[in-house]
Amino acid sequence: MAFHIQSPASVLTLLLITLASMSGNTMVAEARHLLDITLPDIPSSLPHFPTVPELPEVPKVEVPHIPSFPEPQIPSFPVPHIPSFPEPWEVPRVKGPYVPSFGEPHEVPKIEVPHIPSFPEPNIPSFPEPQEIPKVEVPHIPSFPEQPEIPKVEIPKLPELPAFPGLPEPLKIPTLKP
């Protein structure tokens, strides 16, 4: 019976299954191989490494002098003042929100607590004291008669089996040789 491949996805699926099944076997084989390998001995003393020559001294680089700039001065010539714009060197002030003033705080009037009338104490009837409940007598439970002693069961001895006869002796087959 011929196997027809319907789509490339089935080929990829079979390939992945095959590779996955092979990868587990190789790991076990590699792990067994690692157990068989003997590691080389590491020498206790290290080899002598050559000394590295010292680096030559680098000459110090001179940094050129950076001239300082003078601070800017306020111009001495008259600047025309425009009422909607502040002076060029002044920081404009921001006006805060308008907070109305309510004047001095008034005293809060004290609230009078209304008078609560007192009610007379209610007459609660007194209950009679509970009477003592008589103790109920527990009926006498008769004791069970003593258990008779059960004799111990003796295990009978098994009869001895006769000795195993063993294998029969091999039969003597007649031969034609004298």
C-alpha atoms as a PDB file:
ATOM      1  CA  MET A   1       0.000   0.000   0.000  1.00  0.00           C
ATOM      2  CA  ALA A   2       1.466   3.327  -1.013  1.00  0.00           C
ATOM      3  CA  PHE A   3       1.522   6.293   1.368  1.00  0.00           C
ATOM      4  CA  HIS A   4       0.362   9.512  -0.263  1.00  0.00           C
ATOM      5  CA  ILE A   5       1.277  12.787   1.398  1.00  0.00           C
ATOM      6  CA  GLN A   6      -1.744  15.044   1.490  1.00  0.00           C
ATOM      7  CA  SER A   7      -0.106  18.285   2.681  1.00  0.00           C
ATOM      8  CA  PRO A   8       3.316  19.658   3.645  1.00  0.00           C
ATOM      9  CA  ALA A   9       2.040  20.101   7.226  1.00  0.00           C
ATOM     10  CA  SER A  10       1.853  16.329   7.657  1.00  0.00           C
ATOM     11  CA  VAL A  11       5.474  16.011   6.509  1.00  0.00           C
ATOM     12  CA  LEU A  12       6.568  18.620   9.064  1.00  0.00           C
ATOM     13  CA  THR A  13       4.591  16.845  11.775  1.00  0.00           C
ATOM     14  CA  LEU A  14       6.232  13.506  10.990  1.00  0.00           C
ATOM     15  CA  LEU A  15       9.646  15.177  10.888  1.00  0.00           C
ATOM     16  CA  LEU A  16       9.147  16.783  14.311  1.00  0.00           C
ATOM     17  CA  ILE A  17       7.955  13.500  15.826  1.00  0.00           C
ATOM     18  CA  THR A  18      10.970  11.673  14.386  1.00  0.00           C
ATOM     19  CA  LEU A  19      13.453  14.269  15.638  1.00  0.00           C
ATOM     20  CA  ALA A  20      11.868  14.372  19.086  1.00  0.00           C
ATOM     21  CA  SER A  21      12.070  10.606  19.441  1.00  0.00           C
ATOM     22  CA  MET A  22      15.726  10.605  18.347  1.00  0.00           C
ATOM     23  CA  SER A  23      16.822  13.411  20.646  1.00  0.00           C
ATOM     24  CA  GLY A  24      16.042  11.469  23.833  1.00  0.00           C
ATOM     25  CA  ASN A  25      18.177   8.510  22.737  1.00  0.00           C
ATOM     26  CA  THR A  26      21.197  10.611  21.884  1.00  0.00           C
ATOM     27  CA  MET A  27      21.171  12.385  25.242  1.00  0.00           C
ATOM     28  CA  VAL A  28      21.247   9.092  27.112  1.00  0.00           C
ATOM     29  CA  ALA A  29      24.038   7.852  24.855  1.00  0.00           C
ATOM     30  CA  GLU A  30      26.029  11.052  25.389  1.00  0.00           C
ATOM     31  CA  ALA A  31      25.564  10.828  29.148  1.00  0.00           C
ATOM     32  CA  ARG A  32      26.856   7.235  29.150  1.00  0.00           C
ATOM     33  CA  HIS A  33      29.771   8.341  26.982  1.00  0.00           C
ATOM     34  CA  LEU A  34      30.646  11.029  29.562  1.00  0.00           C
ATOM     35  CA  LEU A  35      30.756   8.397  32.288  1.00  0.00           C
ATOM     36  CA  ASP A  36      33.285   6.373  30.316  1.00  0.00           C
ATOM     37  CA  ILE A  37      35.660   9.291  29.653  1.00  0.00           C
ATOM     38  CA  THR A  38      38.467   9.877  32.139  1.00  0.00           C
ATOM     39  CA  LEU A  39      39.338  13.495  32.742  1.00  0.00           C
ATOM     40  CA  PRO A  40      42.964  14.615  32.365  1.00  0.00           C
ATOM     41  CA  ASP A  41      44.881  15.498  35.531  1.00  0.00           C
ATOM     42  CA  ILE A  42      45.308  19.198  36.215  1.00  0.00           C
ATOM     43  CA  PRO A  43      48.913  20.125  37.041  1.00  0.00           C
ATOM     44  CA  SER A  44      49.394  21.500  40.539  1.00  0.00           C
ATOM     45  CA  SER A  45      51.840  24.242  39.484  1.00  0.00           C
ATOM     46  CA  LEU A  46      51.026  26.794  36.839  1.00  0.00           C
ATOM     47  CA  PRO A  47      53.450  27.487  33.978  1.00  0.00           C
ATOM     48  CA  HIS A  48      55.618  30.598  34.231  1.00  0.00           C
ATOM     49  CA  PHE A  49      54.102  33.490  32.324  1.00  0.00           C
ATOM     50  CA  PRO A  50      56.405  36.202  30.921  1.00  0.00           C
ATOM     51  CA  THR A  51      56.260  39.569  32.662  1.00  0.00           C
ATOM     52  CA  VAL A  52      54.503  42.382  30.850  1.00  0.00           C
ATOM     53  CA  PRO A  53      56.630  45.514  30.331  1.00  0.00           C
ATOM     54  CA  GLU A  54      55.437  48.644  32.096  1.00  0.00           C
ATOM     55  CA  LEU A  55      53.482  51.199  30.123  1.00  0.00           C
ATOM     56  CA  PRO A  56      55.410  54.358  29.171  1.00  0.00           C
ATOM     57  CA  GLU A  57      54.401  57.565  30.899  1.00  0.00           C
ATOM     58  CA  VAL A  58      51.982  59.654  28.887  1.00  0.00           C
ATOM     59  CA  PRO A  59      52.795  63.376  28.816  1.00  0.00           C
ATOM     60  CA  LYS A  60      50.239  65.622  30.444  1.00  0.00           C
ATOM     61  CA  VAL A  61      48.179  67.540  27.906  1.00  0.00           C
ATOM     62  CA  GLU A  62      47.942  71.261  28.556  1.00  0.00           C
ATOM     63  CA  VAL A  63      44.419  72.602  28.329  1.00  0.00           C
ATOM     64  CA  PRO A  64      44.165  76.010  26.656  1.00  0.00           C
ATOM     65  CA  HIS A  65      42.810  78.853  28.776  1.00  0.00           C
ATOM     66  CA  ILE A  66      39.149  79.585  28.061  1.00  0.00           C
ATOM     67  CA  PRO A  67      38.449  83.317  28.339  1.00  0.00           C
ATOM     68  CA  SER A  68      35.584  84.356  30.585  1.00  0.00           C
ATOM     69  CA  PHE A  69      32.861  86.418  29.061  1.00  0.00           C
ATOM     70  CA  PRO A  70      31.729  89.615  30.807  1.00  0.00           C
ATOM     71  CA  GLU A  71      28.243  89.677  32.301  1.00  0.00           C
ATOM     72  CA  PRO A  72      25.669  91.429  30.155  1.00  0.00           C
ATOM     73  CA  GLN A  73      24.846  94.953  31.275  1.00  0.00           C
ATOM     74  CA  ILE A  74      21.437  96.607  31.240  1.00  0.00           C
ATOM     75  CA  PRO A  75      21.254  98.998  28.336  1.00  0.00           C
ATOM     76  CA  SER A  76      21.614 102.596  29.348  1.00  0.00           C
ATOM     77  CA  PHE A  77      19.635 104.006  26.476  1.00  0.00           C
ATOM     78  CA  PRO A  78      15.959 104.701  27.127  1.00  0.00           C
ATOM     79  CA  VAL A  79      13.639 101.890  26.150  1.00  0.00           C
ATOM     80  CA  PRO A  80      10.145 102.936  25.178  1.00  0.00           C
ATOM     81  CA  HIS A  81       7.685 101.603  27.731  1.00  0.00           C
ATOM     82  CA  ILE A  82       4.649  99.780  26.360  1.00  0.00           C
ATOM     83  CA  PRO A  83       1.956  99.487  29.039  1.00  0.00           C
ATOM     84  CA  SER A  84       0.864  95.953  28.092  1.00  0.00           C
ATOM     85  CA  PHE A  85       4.432  94.574  28.245  1.00  0.00           C
ATOM     86  CA  PRO A  86       6.738  94.664  31.293  1.00  0.00           C
ATOM     87  CA  GLU A  87      10.208  96.081  31.170  1.00  0.00           C
ATOM     88  CA  PRO A  88      12.567  93.723  29.350  1.00  0.00           C
ATOM     89  CA  TRP A  89      14.668  92.959  32.477  1.00  0.00           C
ATOM     90  CA  GLU A  90      11.770  92.574  34.926  1.00  0.00           C
ATOM     91  CA  VAL A  91      10.052  89.269  35.647  1.00  0.00           C
ATOM     92  CA  PRO A  92       6.284  89.634  35.247  1.00  0.00           C
ATOM     93  CA  ARG A  93       4.223  88.921  38.365  1.00  0.00           C
ATOM     94  CA  VAL A  94       1.362  86.531  38.101  1.00  0.00           C
ATOM     95  CA  LYS A  95      -1.775  87.586  39.921  1.00  0.00           C
ATOM     96  CA  GLY A  96      -3.309  84.902  42.119  1.00  0.00           C
ATOM     97  CA  PRO A  97      -7.007  84.020  42.174  1.00  0.00           C
ATOM     98  CA  TYR A  98      -9.397  86.453  43.801  1.00  0.00           C
ATOM     99  CA  VAL A  99     -10.319  85.392  47.341  1.00  0.00           C
ATOM    100  CA  PRO A 100     -13.278  87.321  48.765  1.00  0.00           C
ATOM    101  CA  SER A 101     -13.058  88.469  52.384  1.00  0.00           C
ATOM    102  CA  PHE A 102     -16.020  87.772  54.620  1.00  0.00           C
ATOM    103  CA  GLY A 103     -14.928  89.973  57.473  1.00  0.00           C
ATOM    104  CA  GLU A 104     -14.510  88.786  61.037  1.00  0.00           C
ATOM    105  CA  PRO A 105     -16.009  85.408  61.908  1.00  0.00           C
ATOM    106  CA  HIS A 106     -19.164  85.536  63.993  1.00  0.00           C
ATOM    107  CA  GLU A 107     -19.737  83.517  67.132  1.00  0.00           C
ATOM    108  CA  VAL A 108     -21.689  80.319  66.602  1.00  0.00           C
ATOM    109  CA  PRO A 109     -24.816  80.340  68.736  1.00  0.00           C
ATOM    110  CA  LYS A 110     -25.202  77.507  71.220  1.00  0.00           C
ATOM    111  CA  ILE A 111     -27.971  75.100  70.387  1.00  0.00           C
ATOM    112  CA  GLU A 112     -30.276  74.329  73.266  1.00  0.00           C
ATOM    113  CA  VAL A 113     -30.897  70.667  73.887  1.00  0.00           C
ATOM    114  CA  PRO A 114     -34.625  69.951  74.141  1.00  0.00           C
ATOM    115  CA  HIS A 115     -35.843  68.689  77.493  1.00  0.00           C
ATOM    116  CA  ILE A 116     -36.563  64.956  77.513  1.00  0.00           C
ATOM    117  CA  PRO A 117     -39.304  64.050  80.000  1.00  0.00           C
ATOM    118  CA  SER A 118     -38.549  61.305  82.479  1.00  0.00           C
ATOM    119  CA  PHE A 119     -40.759  58.249  82.361  1.00  0.00           C
ATOM    120  CA  PRO A 120     -41.795  56.379  85.510  1.00  0.00           C
ATOM    121  CA  GLU A 121     -40.200  53.017  86.070  1.00  0.00           C
ATOM    122  CA  PRO A 122     -42.456  50.214  84.824  1.00  0.00           C
ATOM    123  CA  ASN A 123     -43.777  47.671  87.305  1.00  0.00           C
ATOM    124  CA  ILE A 124     -42.302  44.327  86.332  1.00  0.00           C
ATOM    125  CA  PRO A 125     -44.019  41.372  87.977  1.00  0.00           C
ATOM    126  CA  SER A 126     -41.735  39.192  89.998  1.00  0.00           C
ATOM    127  CA  PHE A 127     -41.432  35.579  88.996  1.00  0.00           C
ATOM    128  CA  PRO A 128     -41.451  32.819  91.608  1.00  0.00           C
ATOM    129  CA  GLU A 129     -38.154  31.117  92.255  1.00  0.00           C
ATOM    130  CA  PRO A 130     -37.762  27.858  90.358  1.00  0.00           C
ATOM    131  CA  GLN A 131     -38.410  24.731  92.339  1.00  0.00           C
ATOM    132  CA  GLU A 132     -35.724  22.143  92.759  1.00  0.00           C
ATOM    133  CA  ILE A 133     -35.971  19.407  90.168  1.00  0.00           C
ATOM    134  CA  PRO A 134     -35.855  15.962  91.767  1.00  0.00           C
ATOM    135  CA  LYS A 135     -33.022  13.737  90.645  1.00  0.00           C
ATOM    136  CA  VAL A 136     -34.037  10.907  88.388  1.00  0.00           C
ATOM    137  CA  GLU A 137     -32.774   7.597  89.594  1.00  0.00           C
ATOM    138  CA  VAL A 138     -30.824   5.583  87.078  1.00  0.00           C
ATOM    139  CA  PRO A 139     -32.165   2.039  86.820  1.00  0.00           C
ATOM    140  CA  HIS A 140     -29.831  -0.729  87.875  1.00  0.00           C
ATOM    141  CA  ILE A 141     -28.185  -2.430  84.904  1.00  0.00           C
ATOM    142  CA  PRO A 142     -27.636  -6.126  85.548  1.00  0.00           C
ATOM    143  CA  SER A 143     -24.125  -7.398  85.050  1.00  0.00           C
ATOM    144  CA  PHE A 144     -23.454  -9.969  82.354  1.00  0.00           C
ATOM    145  CA  PRO A 145     -22.504 -13.488  83.403  1.00  0.00           C
ATOM    146  CA  GLU A 146     -18.853 -14.356  83.192  1.00  0.00           C
ATOM    147  CA  GLN A 147     -17.629 -15.575  79.849  1.00  0.00           C
ATOM    148  CA  PRO A 148     -16.784 -19.280  79.800  1.00  0.00           C
ATOM    149  CA  GLU A 149     -13.178 -20.087  79.006  1.00  0.00           C
ATOM    150  CA  ILE A 150     -12.655 -21.087  75.397  1.00  0.00           C
ATOM    151  CA  PRO A 151     -10.219 -23.981  75.023  1.00  0.00           C
ATOM    152  CA  LYS A 152      -7.212 -23.373  72.830  1.00  0.00           C
ATOM    153  CA  VAL A 153      -7.400 -25.017  69.464  1.00  0.00           C
ATOM    154  CA  GLU A 154      -4.550 -27.399  68.877  1.00  0.00           C
ATOM    155  CA  ILE A 155      -3.174 -27.571  65.376  1.00  0.00           C
ATOM    156  CA  PRO A 156      -2.892 -31.201  64.309  1.00  0.00           C
ATOM    157  CA  LYS A 157       0.476 -32.313  63.043  1.00  0.00           C
ATOM    158  CA  LEU A 158       0.696 -32.979  59.343  1.00  0.00           C
ATOM    159  CA  PRO A 159       1.628 -36.498  58.352  1.00  0.00           C
ATOM    160  CA  GLU A 160       5.135 -36.891  57.083  1.00  0.00           C
ATOM    161  CA  LEU A 161       5.402 -37.271  53.338  1.00  0.00           C
ATOM    162  CA  PRO A 162       7.306 -40.255  52.019  1.00  0.00           C
ATOM    163  CA  ALA A 163      10.715 -39.559  50.555  1.00  0.00           C
ATOM    164  CA  PHE A 164      10.660 -38.400  46.956  1.00  0.00           C
ATOM    165  CA  PRO A 165      11.514 -41.347  44.807  1.00  0.00           C
ATOM    166  CA  GLY A 166      13.735 -39.336  42.491  1.00  0.00           C
ATOM    167  CA  LEU A 167      14.200 -39.686  38.796  1.00  0.00           C
ATOM    168  CA  PRO A 168      13.901 -43.071  37.160  1.00  0.00           C
ATOM    169  CA  GLU A 169      17.076 -44.671  35.965  1.00  0.00           C
ATOM    170  CA  PRO A 170      17.789 -44.196  32.283  1.00  0.00           C
ATOM    171  CA  LEU A 171      16.591 -47.006  30.096  1.00  0.00           C
ATOM    172  CA  LYS A 172      19.144 -49.281  28.543  1.00  0.00           C
ATOM    173  CA  ILE A 173      18.766 -49.139  24.805  1.00  0.00           C
ATOM    174  CA  PRO A 174      20.120 -52.182  23.026  1.00  0.00           C
ATOM    175  CA  THR A 175      22.792 -51.460  20.465  1.00  0.00           C
ATOM    176  CA  LEU A 176      24.200 -53.490  17.607  1.00  0.00           C
ATOM    177  CA  LYS A 177      27.803 -52.918  18.581  1.00  0.00           C
ATOM    178  CA  PRO A 178      29.531 -55.824  20.283  1.00  0.00           C
END
